Amino acid sequence: MKAMILAAGLGTRLKPFTDHHPKALALVNGKTLLQRNIEYLKSYGVDSFIINVHHFAEQIIQYLQKHNFFDTQIEISDERNEILETGGGLLKASWFFDKDEPFILMNADMLTDIDMLEMYTYHKLRKPLATLAVCKRNSSRCLLFNQENILCGWQNTSTEEIKMSRDENNLQSFSFSGIHIIEPGIFSQIRFTGKFSMIDVYLELAKINNIIAFDHSGKKLLDVGKPESIVEAEKLFF
């Protein structure tokens, strides 16, 4: 299986570290977030990666070269001219993926112990366009799923903004964990261009496609986006 790690973000919440470094190179117990996620995905058989870069891109490239690309095949998707967000970044890297095999998309700043084999097996069983790792945790932005775990909408509980893809009742809300398993057929259906979010893609495509939830509540998950979250991560990930 192939995977893309999203490492282009500015990491503004992780200042002052990101004033001089990319967020993906933040250290947790002596290992960078990028190394941890490469090793995490390698443990499930992923040996071919593409990583997008923008903020201090050269530091990430030099870091990978220094560590011999962690004995994997790694391509770089260069976004130094313009950061493209999750959707635009994935679309730019679409050439990298096989035409008939699902792939993993993951944020560099998420640390987890989700069983990716279990998630992949679930994806293959349900045969959706994409499977999204979700859980019950505090977040102002939630994805809404029906009782069959099919994506129906999105909600911002702080602003009360709601975007619906399907008109259904008895919806359950989950927080997205920044980990996707995606069918390559998605690329022919994306109508957005330039800079855009994958959440907007999913909300549009969910009108006629099944985008499903994989609930991993109870597993470790941490968004390492703030200085204090580094301290918390070092208590959970060794």
Protein backbone atom coordinates (compact mmCIF):
# COMPACT_ATOMS: atom_id res chain seq x y z
CA MET A 1 0.00 0.00 0.00
CA LYS A 2 1.07 3.57 -0.68
CA ALA A 3 0.55 6.55 1.61
CA MET A 4 0.68 10.33 1.56
CA ILE A 5 1.76 12.26 4.64
CA LEU A 6 0.63 15.88 4.71
CA ALA A 7 3.58 17.93 5.98
CA ALA A 8 3.17 21.28 4.22
CA GLY A 9 1.27 23.16 6.94
CA LEU A 10 2.50 26.37 8.54
CA GLY A 11 1.98 25.04 12.06
CA THR A 12 1.06 28.45 13.48
CA ARG A 13 -0.32 26.90 16.68
CA LEU A 14 3.09 25.37 17.40
CA LYS A 15 4.97 28.65 17.55
CA PRO A 16 7.71 29.51 18.45
CA PHE A 17 9.08 26.18 17.14
CA THR A 18 7.54 26.74 13.71
CA ASP A 19 9.11 30.18 13.39
CA HIS A 20 12.27 28.31 12.37
CA HIS A 21 11.21 24.73 11.60
CA PRO A 22 8.40 22.78 9.92
CA LYS A 23 5.83 21.28 12.27
CA ALA A 24 6.55 17.77 10.98
CA LEU A 25 10.04 17.93 12.53
CA ALA A 26 8.81 18.66 16.05
CA LEU A 27 10.27 16.14 18.49
CA VAL A 28 8.35 13.75 20.74
CA ASN A 29 10.69 11.75 22.98
CA GLY A 30 13.58 12.23 20.57
CA LYS A 31 11.73 11.31 17.38
CA THR A 32 10.14 13.73 14.94
CA LEU A 33 6.43 13.54 14.16
CA LEU A 34 7.37 12.67 10.58
CA GLN A 35 9.61 9.78 11.60
CA ARG A 36 6.97 8.44 13.98
CA ASN A 37 4.31 8.36 11.28
CA ILE A 38 6.58 6.86 8.65
CA GLU A 39 7.51 4.09 11.12
CA TYR A 40 3.88 3.68 12.18
CA LEU A 41 2.70 3.14 8.60
CA LYS A 42 5.73 0.97 7.78
CA SER A 43 4.66 -1.37 10.59
CA TYR A 44 1.52 -2.10 8.53
CA GLY A 45 3.40 -2.76 5.32
CA VAL A 46 3.46 0.69 3.73
CA ASP A 47 6.80 1.11 1.96
CA SER A 48 6.09 3.83 -0.57
CA PHE A 49 5.31 7.40 0.47
CA ILE A 50 4.74 10.83 -0.98
CA ILE A 51 5.16 13.81 1.34
CA ASN A 52 4.08 17.33 0.49
CA VAL A 53 6.24 20.23 1.64
CA HIS A 54 5.91 24.01 1.84
CA HIS A 55 6.94 25.57 5.18
CA PHE A 56 10.73 25.14 5.58
CA ALA A 57 10.51 22.51 2.84
CA GLU A 58 14.27 22.18 2.51
CA GLN A 59 14.57 21.10 6.15
CA ILE A 60 12.22 18.17 5.57
CA ILE A 61 14.01 17.13 2.39
CA GLN A 62 17.43 17.30 4.07
CA TYR A 63 16.11 15.41 7.10
CA LEU A 64 14.81 12.57 4.93
CA GLN A 65 18.05 12.40 2.98
CA LYS A 66 20.08 12.33 6.19
CA HIS A 67 18.08 9.36 7.45
CA ASN A 68 18.21 7.49 4.13
CA PHE A 69 14.45 7.99 3.70
CA PHE A 70 13.96 5.54 6.59
CA ASP A 71 14.61 2.67 4.18
CA THR A 72 11.45 3.37 2.18
CA GLN A 73 10.63 4.86 -1.21
CA ILE A 74 9.72 8.52 -0.67
CA GLU A 75 8.69 11.11 -3.25
CA ILE A 76 8.34 14.81 -2.51
CA SER A 77 5.36 16.86 -3.68
CA ASP A 78 6.72 20.40 -3.79
CA GLU A 79 4.23 23.11 -2.75
CA ARG A 80 6.79 25.81 -2.02
CA ASN A 81 5.14 28.18 -4.50
CA GLU A 82 1.70 27.81 -2.91
CA ILE A 83 0.32 25.72 -0.08
CA LEU A 84 -2.66 23.78 -1.42
CA GLU A 85 -4.39 22.46 1.75
CA THR A 86 -5.42 18.83 2.11
CA GLY A 87 -7.48 18.47 -1.06
CA GLY A 88 -5.32 20.49 -3.38
CA GLY A 89 -2.21 18.81 -2.00
CA LEU A 90 -3.64 15.34 -2.59
CA LEU A 91 -4.82 16.20 -6.10
CA LYS A 92 -1.36 17.51 -7.02
CA ALA A 93 0.10 14.18 -5.87
CA SER A 94 -2.51 12.03 -7.65
CA TRP A 95 0.07 10.83 -10.22
CA PHE A 96 1.81 8.86 -7.47
CA PHE A 97 -0.98 6.42 -6.64
CA ASP A 98 -1.86 3.13 -8.31
CA LYS A 99 -5.07 3.16 -10.34
CA ASP A 100 -6.65 0.15 -8.65
CA GLU A 101 -5.35 0.15 -5.07
CA PRO A 102 -6.63 2.19 -2.12
CA PHE A 103 -4.12 4.39 -0.34
CA ILE A 104 -3.66 6.10 3.02
CA LEU A 105 -3.73 9.85 3.55
CA MET A 106 -2.53 11.09 6.94
CA ASN A 107 -1.70 14.35 8.68
CA ALA A 108 1.91 14.55 9.87
CA ASP A 109 0.89 16.06 13.21
CA MET A 110 -1.48 13.25 14.27
CA LEU A 111 -0.12 10.51 16.51
CA THR A 112 -2.19 7.38 17.03
CA ASP A 113 -2.16 3.64 17.60
CA ILE A 114 -5.17 2.90 15.37
CA ASP A 115 -5.01 -0.63 13.96
CA MET A 116 -4.58 0.24 10.28
CA LEU A 117 -5.04 -3.38 9.24
CA GLU A 118 -8.44 -3.39 10.92
CA MET A 119 -9.34 -0.09 9.23
CA TYR A 120 -8.15 -1.37 5.85
CA THR A 121 -10.12 -4.61 6.22
CA TYR A 122 -13.22 -2.61 7.12
CA HIS A 123 -12.70 -0.41 4.06
CA LYS A 124 -12.38 -3.41 1.74
CA LEU A 125 -15.49 -5.00 3.25
CA ARG A 126 -17.71 -1.92 2.91
CA LYS A 127 -16.25 -0.80 -0.46
CA PRO A 128 -16.80 2.98 -0.02
CA LEU A 129 -15.10 5.74 -1.96
CA ALA A 130 -13.27 6.67 1.24
CA THR A 131 -13.10 5.60 4.87
CA LEU A 132 -12.44 8.25 7.52
CA ALA A 133 -11.02 7.51 10.96
CA VAL A 134 -13.24 9.19 13.54
CA CYS A 135 -13.78 9.11 17.27
CA LYS A 136 -15.70 10.70 20.10
CA ARG A 137 -13.66 13.63 21.42
CA ASN A 138 -14.14 17.30 22.14
CA SER A 139 -14.13 19.33 18.93
CA SER A 140 -16.20 22.22 17.64
CA ARG A 141 -16.22 20.75 14.12
CA CYS A 142 -17.89 17.39 13.65
CA LEU A 143 -18.81 15.07 10.81
CA LEU A 144 -22.36 13.72 10.79
CA PHE A 145 -23.05 10.09 9.89
CA ASN A 146 -26.21 8.03 9.65
CA GLN A 147 -26.77 4.76 11.51
CA GLU A 148 -24.88 2.87 8.79
CA ASN A 149 -21.83 5.12 9.33
CA ILE A 150 -22.31 6.88 5.98
CA LEU A 151 -21.32 10.55 5.80
CA CYS A 152 -24.31 12.89 5.64
CA GLY A 153 -22.96 16.28 6.70
CA TRP A 154 -20.72 18.55 8.74
CA GLN A 155 -21.38 20.83 11.68
CA ASN A 156 -19.57 23.61 13.52
CA THR A 157 -21.05 23.59 16.99
CA SER A 158 -19.48 26.97 17.86
CA THR A 159 -21.01 28.88 14.95
CA GLU A 160 -23.98 26.53 14.42
CA GLU A 161 -23.05 26.29 10.73
CA ILE A 162 -24.26 23.07 9.10
CA LYS A 163 -23.48 21.62 5.66
CA MET A 164 -25.57 18.65 4.59
CA SER A 165 -24.95 16.12 1.82
CA ARG A 166 -27.92 13.85 2.59
CA ASP A 167 -31.24 14.61 4.25
CA GLU A 168 -31.43 11.96 6.96
CA ASN A 169 -32.49 11.73 10.59
CA ASN A 170 -30.93 10.19 13.71
CA LEU A 171 -27.44 11.34 12.81
CA GLN A 172 -24.43 10.73 15.02
CA SER A 173 -21.52 13.16 15.28
CA PHE A 174 -17.83 12.25 15.36
CA SER A 175 -14.58 14.18 15.25
CA PHE A 176 -12.34 13.45 12.27
CA SER A 177 -8.90 12.08 13.14
CA GLY A 178 -6.99 13.14 10.02
CA ILE A 179 -6.52 9.61 8.67
CA HIS A 180 -8.17 8.43 5.44
CA ILE A 181 -8.21 5.32 3.26
CA ILE A 182 -9.18 6.42 -0.23
CA GLU A 183 -10.00 4.73 -3.51
CA PRO A 184 -8.04 6.21 -6.45
CA GLY A 185 -11.30 6.56 -8.37
CA ILE A 186 -11.92 9.68 -6.30
CA PHE A 187 -9.60 11.72 -8.51
CA SER A 188 -11.87 11.54 -11.55
CA GLN A 189 -14.73 12.94 -9.45
CA ILE A 190 -12.98 15.92 -7.85
CA ARG A 191 -14.18 19.16 -9.44
CA PHE A 192 -12.30 21.56 -7.15
CA THR A 193 -9.07 23.20 -8.31
CA GLY A 194 -6.23 25.09 -6.64
CA LYS A 195 -6.37 25.28 -2.85
CA PHE A 196 -9.18 23.32 -1.17
CA SER A 197 -10.02 21.01 1.71
CA MET A 198 -10.71 17.28 1.49
CA ILE A 199 -13.68 17.79 3.81
CA ASP A 200 -15.32 19.95 1.12
CA VAL A 201 -14.59 17.20 -1.41
CA TYR A 202 -16.18 14.57 0.80
CA LEU A 203 -19.27 16.66 1.48
CA GLU A 204 -19.79 17.14 -2.25
CA LEU A 205 -19.10 13.54 -3.25
CA ALA A 206 -21.13 12.11 -0.36
CA LYS A 207 -24.29 13.20 -2.19
CA ILE A 208 -23.91 10.24 -4.57
CA ASN A 209 -21.06 8.17 -3.05
CA ASN A 210 -20.58 6.38 0.23
CA ILE A 211 -17.98 8.01 2.46
CA ILE A 212 -17.92 6.03 5.68
CA ALA A 213 -16.70 6.30 9.28
CA PHE A 214 -14.27 3.99 11.03
CA ASP A 215 -14.83 4.58 14.74
CA HIS A 216 -11.63 4.07 16.71
CA SER A 217 -12.84 5.57 19.99
CA GLY A 218 -10.73 4.21 22.83
CA LYS A 219 -7.49 4.15 20.84
CA LYS A 220 -4.71 6.66 21.38
CA LEU A 221 -5.02 9.79 19.25
CA LEU A 222 -3.37 13.14 19.69
CA ASP A 223 -3.27 16.23 17.52
CA VAL A 224 0.24 17.53 18.21
CA GLY A 225 -0.53 21.07 17.18
CA LYS A 226 0.35 23.10 20.27
CA PRO A 227 3.41 23.27 22.56
CA GLU A 228 1.45 21.76 25.43
CA SER A 229 0.42 18.83 23.25
CA ILE A 230 4.10 17.90 22.87
CA VAL A 231 4.22 17.37 26.63
CA GLU A 232 1.05 15.28 26.49
CA ALA A 233 2.36 13.25 23.53
CA GLU A 234 5.51 12.34 25.41
CA LYS A 235 3.35 10.69 28.07
CA LEU A 236 1.56 8.54 25.47
CA PHE A 237 4.11 7.78 22.74
CA PHE A 238 7.54 6.46 23.64
